[in-house]
């Protein structure tokens, strides 16, 4: 995976925050060169999720109903019993993830897709989320290009400019982001 070692995320961009009182939603928009059907498979198929997403799913997310998700590459296993709320292939996917709700919208744009993610997230950690999703979506893009660089989440993302992205998104959103504290060694 020599391409992985060459990976450097671009500058923060394509993100905004929607504020409704104390409820904040991170909105990320990414243009992908691939058809919505291909992107849909990457968003719903557990094998593909395990290549780019920050969690694993115990089943395909393409249908409404319960699903078990587990955080990837965490020091302690974190499992969520959750559910897919809407699955309208290949354009709309909604599910909960722990305390958060995620909504993925896919719009055809030429031969590609405009992917929009809405993620309600604790406002203190919204820049963290933006930086993490930025890297995940870069990895997704490379997976779709058939040039995978491997899942880059958790402390692994720190090797790939996550701190820089976090600072850039915090500045863009006009907030102060908490400093990253690596987990204590076991």
C-alpha atoms as a PDB file:
ATOM      1  CA  UNK A   1       0.000   0.000   0.000  1.00  0.00           C
ATOM      2  CA  UNK A   2       2.555   2.554  -1.071  1.00  0.00           C
ATOM      3  CA  UNK A   3      -0.269   4.897  -2.184  1.00  0.00           C
ATOM      4  CA  UNK A   4      -1.399   5.003   1.443  1.00  0.00           C
ATOM      5  CA  UNK A   5       1.914   6.438   2.573  1.00  0.00           C
ATOM      6  CA  UNK A   6       1.644   9.140  -0.105  1.00  0.00           C
ATOM      7  CA  UNK A   7      -1.870  10.172   0.954  1.00  0.00           C
ATOM      8  CA  UNK A   8      -2.195  13.733   2.248  1.00  0.00           C
ATOM      9  CA  UNK A   9      -5.699  15.187   2.646  1.00  0.00           C
ATOM     10  CA  UNK A  10      -6.413  18.441   0.891  1.00  0.00           C
ATOM     11  CA  UNK A  11      -7.439  21.582   2.757  1.00  0.00           C
ATOM     12  CA  UNK A  12     -10.655  21.735   4.755  1.00  0.00           C
ATOM     13  CA  UNK A  13     -13.600  22.445   2.514  1.00  0.00           C
ATOM     14  CA  UNK A  14     -17.022  21.355   1.378  1.00  0.00           C
ATOM     15  CA  UNK A  15     -18.417  21.536   4.911  1.00  0.00           C
ATOM     16  CA  UNK A  16     -20.751  23.800   6.797  1.00  0.00           C
ATOM     17  CA  UNK A  17     -22.616  23.813  10.097  1.00  0.00           C
ATOM     18  CA  UNK A  18     -26.368  24.205  10.459  1.00  0.00           C
ATOM     19  CA  UNK A  19     -27.306  25.549  13.891  1.00  0.00           C
ATOM     20  CA  UNK A  20     -30.664  25.165  15.603  1.00  0.00           C
ATOM     21  CA  UNK A  21     -30.115  26.389  19.151  1.00  0.00           C
ATOM     22  CA  UNK A  22     -27.879  23.869  20.918  1.00  0.00           C
ATOM     23  CA  UNK A  23     -28.363  21.335  18.106  1.00  0.00           C
ATOM     24  CA  UNK A  24     -25.698  21.497  15.451  1.00  0.00           C
ATOM     25  CA  UNK A  25     -25.511  19.502  12.250  1.00  0.00           C
ATOM     26  CA  UNK A  26     -22.366  19.001  10.222  1.00  0.00           C
ATOM     27  CA  UNK A  27     -23.080  19.065   6.478  1.00  0.00           C
ATOM     28  CA  UNK A  28     -20.400  17.726   4.128  1.00  0.00           C
ATOM     29  CA  UNK A  29     -20.707  17.809   0.352  1.00  0.00           C
ATOM     30  CA  UNK A  30     -18.401  15.852  -1.917  1.00  0.00           C
ATOM     31  CA  UNK A  31     -18.444  15.458  -5.700  1.00  0.00           C
ATOM     32  CA  UNK A  32     -17.570  11.908  -6.751  1.00  0.00           C
ATOM     33  CA  UNK A  33     -16.810  10.684 -10.281  1.00  0.00           C
ATOM     34  CA  UNK A  34     -18.935   7.570  -9.850  1.00  0.00           C
ATOM     35  CA  UNK A  35     -22.607   6.834 -10.509  1.00  0.00           C
ATOM     36  CA  UNK A  36     -25.039   6.969  -7.554  1.00  0.00           C
ATOM     37  CA  UNK A  37     -25.562   3.189  -7.739  1.00  0.00           C
ATOM     38  CA  UNK A  38     -21.849   2.575  -7.162  1.00  0.00           C
ATOM     39  CA  UNK A  39     -21.701   5.097  -4.307  1.00  0.00           C
ATOM     40  CA  UNK A  40     -24.852   3.548  -2.776  1.00  0.00           C
ATOM     41  CA  UNK A  41     -23.161   0.140  -2.646  1.00  0.00           C
ATOM     42  CA  UNK A  42     -20.156   1.641  -0.854  1.00  0.00           C
ATOM     43  CA  UNK A  43     -22.493   3.286   1.701  1.00  0.00           C
ATOM     44  CA  UNK A  44     -24.509   0.138   2.408  1.00  0.00           C
ATOM     45  CA  UNK A  45     -22.383  -2.974   1.811  1.00  0.00           C
ATOM     46  CA  UNK A  46     -20.621  -4.124   5.017  1.00  0.00           C
ATOM     47  CA  UNK A  47     -17.542  -5.304   3.091  1.00  0.00           C
ATOM     48  CA  UNK A  48     -17.112  -1.880   1.494  1.00  0.00           C
ATOM     49  CA  UNK A  49     -17.916  -0.012   4.724  1.00  0.00           C
ATOM     50  CA  UNK A  50     -15.055  -1.901   6.368  1.00  0.00           C
ATOM     51  CA  UNK A  51     -12.707  -0.333   3.802  1.00  0.00           C
ATOM     52  CA  UNK A  52     -13.521   3.316   4.527  1.00  0.00           C
ATOM     53  CA  UNK A  53     -16.113   3.998   7.272  1.00  0.00           C
ATOM     54  CA  UNK A  54     -15.420   4.625  10.978  1.00  0.00           C
ATOM     55  CA  UNK A  55     -17.689   1.704  11.907  1.00  0.00           C
ATOM     56  CA  UNK A  56     -18.603  -1.823  10.876  1.00  0.00           C
ATOM     57  CA  UNK A  57     -22.170  -2.999  10.314  1.00  0.00           C
ATOM     58  CA  UNK A  58     -23.487  -6.510  10.907  1.00  0.00           C
ATOM     59  CA  UNK A  59     -25.690  -6.367   7.800  1.00  0.00           C
ATOM     60  CA  UNK A  60     -26.287  -4.482   4.580  1.00  0.00           C
ATOM     61  CA  UNK A  61     -27.756  -1.029   5.267  1.00  0.00           C
ATOM     62  CA  UNK A  62     -29.906  -0.999   2.123  1.00  0.00           C
ATOM     63  CA  UNK A  63     -33.112  -1.890   3.985  1.00  0.00           C
ATOM     64  CA  UNK A  64     -34.975  -0.391   6.941  1.00  0.00           C
ATOM     65  CA  UNK A  65     -34.607  -2.153  10.283  1.00  0.00           C
ATOM     66  CA  UNK A  66     -32.261  -2.938  13.160  1.00  0.00           C
ATOM     67  CA  UNK A  67     -28.511  -3.091  12.687  1.00  0.00           C
ATOM     68  CA  UNK A  68     -25.546  -3.498  15.011  1.00  0.00           C
ATOM     69  CA  UNK A  69     -22.636  -1.136  14.399  1.00  0.00           C
ATOM     70  CA  UNK A  70     -19.262  -1.222  16.062  1.00  0.00           C
ATOM     71  CA  UNK A  71     -16.653   1.505  16.073  1.00  0.00           C
ATOM     72  CA  UNK A  72     -13.556   0.601  14.095  1.00  0.00           C
ATOM     73  CA  UNK A  73     -10.088   0.597  15.616  1.00  0.00           C
ATOM     74  CA  UNK A  74     -10.964   1.773  19.091  1.00  0.00           C
ATOM     75  CA  UNK A  75      -9.029   0.776  22.214  1.00  0.00           C
ATOM     76  CA  UNK A  76     -12.211  -0.628  23.773  1.00  0.00           C
ATOM     77  CA  UNK A  77     -15.034  -2.203  21.748  1.00  0.00           C
ATOM     78  CA  UNK A  78     -17.920   0.221  21.266  1.00  0.00           C
ATOM     79  CA  UNK A  79     -21.085  -1.365  19.884  1.00  0.00           C
ATOM     80  CA  UNK A  80     -24.356   0.367  19.008  1.00  0.00           C
ATOM     81  CA  UNK A  81     -27.718  -1.312  18.578  1.00  0.00           C
ATOM     82  CA  UNK A  82     -29.315   1.014  16.078  1.00  0.00           C
ATOM     83  CA  UNK A  83     -31.574   1.098  13.041  1.00  0.00           C
ATOM     84  CA  UNK A  84     -31.785   2.147   9.430  1.00  0.00           C
ATOM     85  CA  UNK A  85     -34.702   4.590   9.237  1.00  0.00           C
ATOM     86  CA  UNK A  86     -34.828   5.211   5.477  1.00  0.00           C
ATOM     87  CA  UNK A  87     -33.212   3.378   2.587  1.00  0.00           C
ATOM     88  CA  UNK A  88     -34.268   4.620  -0.839  1.00  0.00           C
ATOM     89  CA  UNK A  89     -31.694   3.279  -3.292  1.00  0.00           C
ATOM     90  CA  UNK A  90     -29.720   4.908  -4.754  1.00  0.00           C
ATOM     91  CA  UNK A  91     -30.572   8.348  -3.406  1.00  0.00           C
ATOM     92  CA  UNK A  92     -31.264   8.492   0.340  1.00  0.00           C
ATOM     93  CA  UNK A  93     -29.992   6.622   3.402  1.00  0.00           C
ATOM     94  CA  UNK A  94     -30.739   7.550   7.025  1.00  0.00           C
ATOM     95  CA  UNK A  95     -29.704   5.764  10.189  1.00  0.00           C
ATOM     96  CA  UNK A  96     -28.753   6.448  13.759  1.00  0.00           C
ATOM     97  CA  UNK A  97     -25.219   5.910  14.993  1.00  0.00           C
ATOM     98  CA  UNK A  98     -25.056   6.032  18.756  1.00  0.00           C
ATOM     99  CA  UNK A  99     -26.572   9.379  19.764  1.00  0.00           C
ATOM    100  CA  UNK A 100     -26.200  10.783  16.249  1.00  0.00           C
ATOM    101  CA  UNK A 101     -28.335  10.645  13.140  1.00  0.00           C
ATOM    102  CA  UNK A 102     -26.763  10.412   9.714  1.00  0.00           C
ATOM    103  CA  UNK A 103     -28.470  11.256   6.446  1.00  0.00           C
ATOM    104  CA  UNK A 104     -26.744  10.532   3.139  1.00  0.00           C
ATOM    105  CA  UNK A 105     -28.192  12.017  -0.036  1.00  0.00           C
ATOM    106  CA  UNK A 106     -26.913  11.070  -3.489  1.00  0.00           C
ATOM    107  CA  UNK A 107     -27.711  13.269  -6.484  1.00  0.00           C
ATOM    108  CA  UNK A 108     -26.663  12.409 -10.035  1.00  0.00           C
ATOM    109  CA  UNK A 109     -24.359  15.075 -11.479  1.00  0.00           C
ATOM    110  CA  UNK A 110     -23.318  14.263 -15.044  1.00  0.00           C
ATOM    111  CA  UNK A 111     -21.812  10.787 -14.839  1.00  0.00           C
ATOM    112  CA  UNK A 112     -20.964  11.225 -11.154  1.00  0.00           C
ATOM    113  CA  UNK A 113     -22.638  11.879  -7.819  1.00  0.00           C
ATOM    114  CA  UNK A 114     -22.978  14.771  -5.420  1.00  0.00           C
ATOM    115  CA  UNK A 115     -22.812  13.109  -2.007  1.00  0.00           C
ATOM    116  CA  UNK A 116     -24.206  15.134   0.907  1.00  0.00           C
ATOM    117  CA  UNK A 117     -23.900  13.939   4.501  1.00  0.00           C
ATOM    118  CA  UNK A 118     -25.845  15.491   7.388  1.00  0.00           C
ATOM    119  CA  UNK A 119     -24.510  14.387  10.789  1.00  0.00           C
ATOM    120  CA  UNK A 120     -25.896  15.861  13.998  1.00  0.00           C
ATOM    121  CA  UNK A 121     -22.974  15.965  16.386  1.00  0.00           C
ATOM    122  CA  UNK A 122     -22.104  17.520  19.718  1.00  0.00           C
ATOM    123  CA  UNK A 123     -21.061  21.043  18.787  1.00  0.00           C
ATOM    124  CA  UNK A 124     -17.876  20.759  20.874  1.00  0.00           C
ATOM    125  CA  UNK A 125     -16.671  18.011  18.531  1.00  0.00           C
ATOM    126  CA  UNK A 126     -18.011  19.229  15.205  1.00  0.00           C
ATOM    127  CA  UNK A 127     -14.544  20.088  13.823  1.00  0.00           C
ATOM    128  CA  UNK A 128     -13.332  16.629  14.898  1.00  0.00           C
ATOM    129  CA  UNK A 129     -16.223  15.101  12.979  1.00  0.00           C
ATOM    130  CA  UNK A 130     -15.534  17.230   9.909  1.00  0.00           C
ATOM    131  CA  UNK A 131     -11.848  16.236   9.920  1.00  0.00           C
ATOM    132  CA  UNK A 132     -12.681  12.557  10.404  1.00  0.00           C
ATOM    133  CA  UNK A 133     -15.346  12.473   7.682  1.00  0.00           C
ATOM    134  CA  UNK A 134     -13.033  14.432   5.356  1.00  0.00           C
ATOM    135  CA  UNK A 135     -10.460  11.648   5.586  1.00  0.00           C
ATOM    136  CA  UNK A 136     -13.106   8.893   5.386  1.00  0.00           C
ATOM    137  CA  UNK A 137     -14.574  10.428   2.233  1.00  0.00           C
ATOM    138  CA  UNK A 138     -11.104  10.693   0.680  1.00  0.00           C
ATOM    139  CA  UNK A 139     -10.612   6.986   1.407  1.00  0.00           C
ATOM    140  CA  UNK A 140     -14.080   6.238  -0.030  1.00  0.00           C
ATOM    141  CA  UNK A 141     -13.220   8.140  -3.209  1.00  0.00           C
ATOM    142  CA  UNK A 142     -10.049   6.100  -3.679  1.00  0.00           C
ATOM    143  CA  UNK A 143     -11.939   2.867  -2.990  1.00  0.00           C
ATOM    144  CA  UNK A 144     -14.461   3.786  -5.697  1.00  0.00           C
ATOM    145  CA  UNK A 145     -11.549   4.562  -8.040  1.00  0.00           C
ATOM    146  CA  UNK A 146     -10.333   0.985  -7.423  1.00  0.00           C
ATOM    147  CA  UNK A 147      -7.202   2.413  -5.815  1.00  0.00           C
ATOM    148  CA  UNK A 148      -7.910   1.620  -2.141  1.00  0.00           C
ATOM    149  CA  UNK A 149      -5.587   2.965   0.531  1.00  0.00           C
ATOM    150  CA  UNK A 150      -7.285   1.228   3.471  1.00  0.00           C
ATOM    151  CA  UNK A 151      -9.461   2.407   6.312  1.00  0.00           C
ATOM    152  CA  UNK A 152      -8.000   5.441   8.056  1.00  0.00           C
ATOM    153  CA  UNK A 153      -9.926   6.068  11.267  1.00  0.00           C
ATOM    154  CA  UNK A 154      -9.338   6.552  14.986  1.00  0.00           C
ATOM    155  CA  UNK A 155      -5.756   7.134  16.031  1.00  0.00           C
ATOM    156  CA  UNK A 156      -4.619   5.977  12.566  1.00  0.00           C
ATOM    157  CA  UNK A 157      -6.063   9.221  11.123  1.00  0.00           C
ATOM    158  CA  UNK A 158      -3.590  11.195  13.255  1.00  0.00           C
ATOM    159  CA  UNK A 159      -0.846  10.003  10.887  1.00  0.00           C
ATOM    160  CA  UNK A 160      -2.630  11.710   7.994  1.00  0.00           C
ATOM    161  CA  UNK A 161      -3.005  15.359   9.005  1.00  0.00           C
ATOM    162  CA  UNK A 162      -6.186  14.945  11.075  1.00  0.00           C
ATOM    163  CA  UNK A 163      -4.908  17.583  13.526  1.00  0.00           C
ATOM    164  CA  UNK A 164      -4.389  20.090  10.697  1.00  0.00           C
ATOM    165  CA  UNK A 165      -7.862  19.413   9.284  1.00  0.00           C
ATOM    166  CA  UNK A 166      -9.406  19.727  12.752  1.00  0.00           C
ATOM    167  CA  UNK A 167      -7.778  23.141  13.213  1.00  0.00           C
ATOM    168  CA  UNK A 168      -8.807  24.284   9.712  1.00  0.00           C
ATOM    169  CA  UNK A 169     -12.434  23.226  10.219  1.00  0.00           C
ATOM    170  CA  UNK A 170     -12.548  24.820  13.686  1.00  0.00           C
ATOM    171  CA  UNK A 171     -11.341  28.099  12.164  1.00  0.00           C
ATOM    172  CA  UNK A 172     -13.803  27.781   9.265  1.00  0.00           C
ATOM    173  CA  UNK A 173     -16.706  27.173  11.687  1.00  0.00           C
ATOM    174  CA  UNK A 174     -15.565  29.917  14.089  1.00  0.00           C
ATOM    175  CA  UNK A 175     -15.205  27.606  17.065  1.00  0.00           C
ATOM    176  CA  UNK A 176     -12.536  26.350  19.417  1.00  0.00           C
ATOM    177  CA  UNK A 177     -12.143  22.596  19.126  1.00  0.00           C
ATOM    178  CA  UNK A 178     -11.077  20.515  22.133  1.00  0.00           C
ATOM    179  CA  UNK A 179      -7.502  19.304  21.981  1.00  0.00           C
ATOM    180  CA  UNK A 180      -7.037  15.667  21.029  1.00  0.00           C
ATOM    181  CA  UNK A 181      -6.016  13.450  23.937  1.00  0.00           C
ATOM    182  CA  UNK A 182      -4.786  10.052  22.773  1.00  0.00           C
ATOM    183  CA  UNK A 183      -6.202   7.106  24.709  1.00  0.00           C
ATOM    184  CA  UNK A 184      -4.102   5.935  27.657  1.00  0.00           C
ATOM    185  CA  UNK A 185      -2.001   2.851  27.013  1.00  0.00           C
ATOM    186  CA  UNK A 186      -3.462  -0.329  28.419  1.00  0.00           C
END
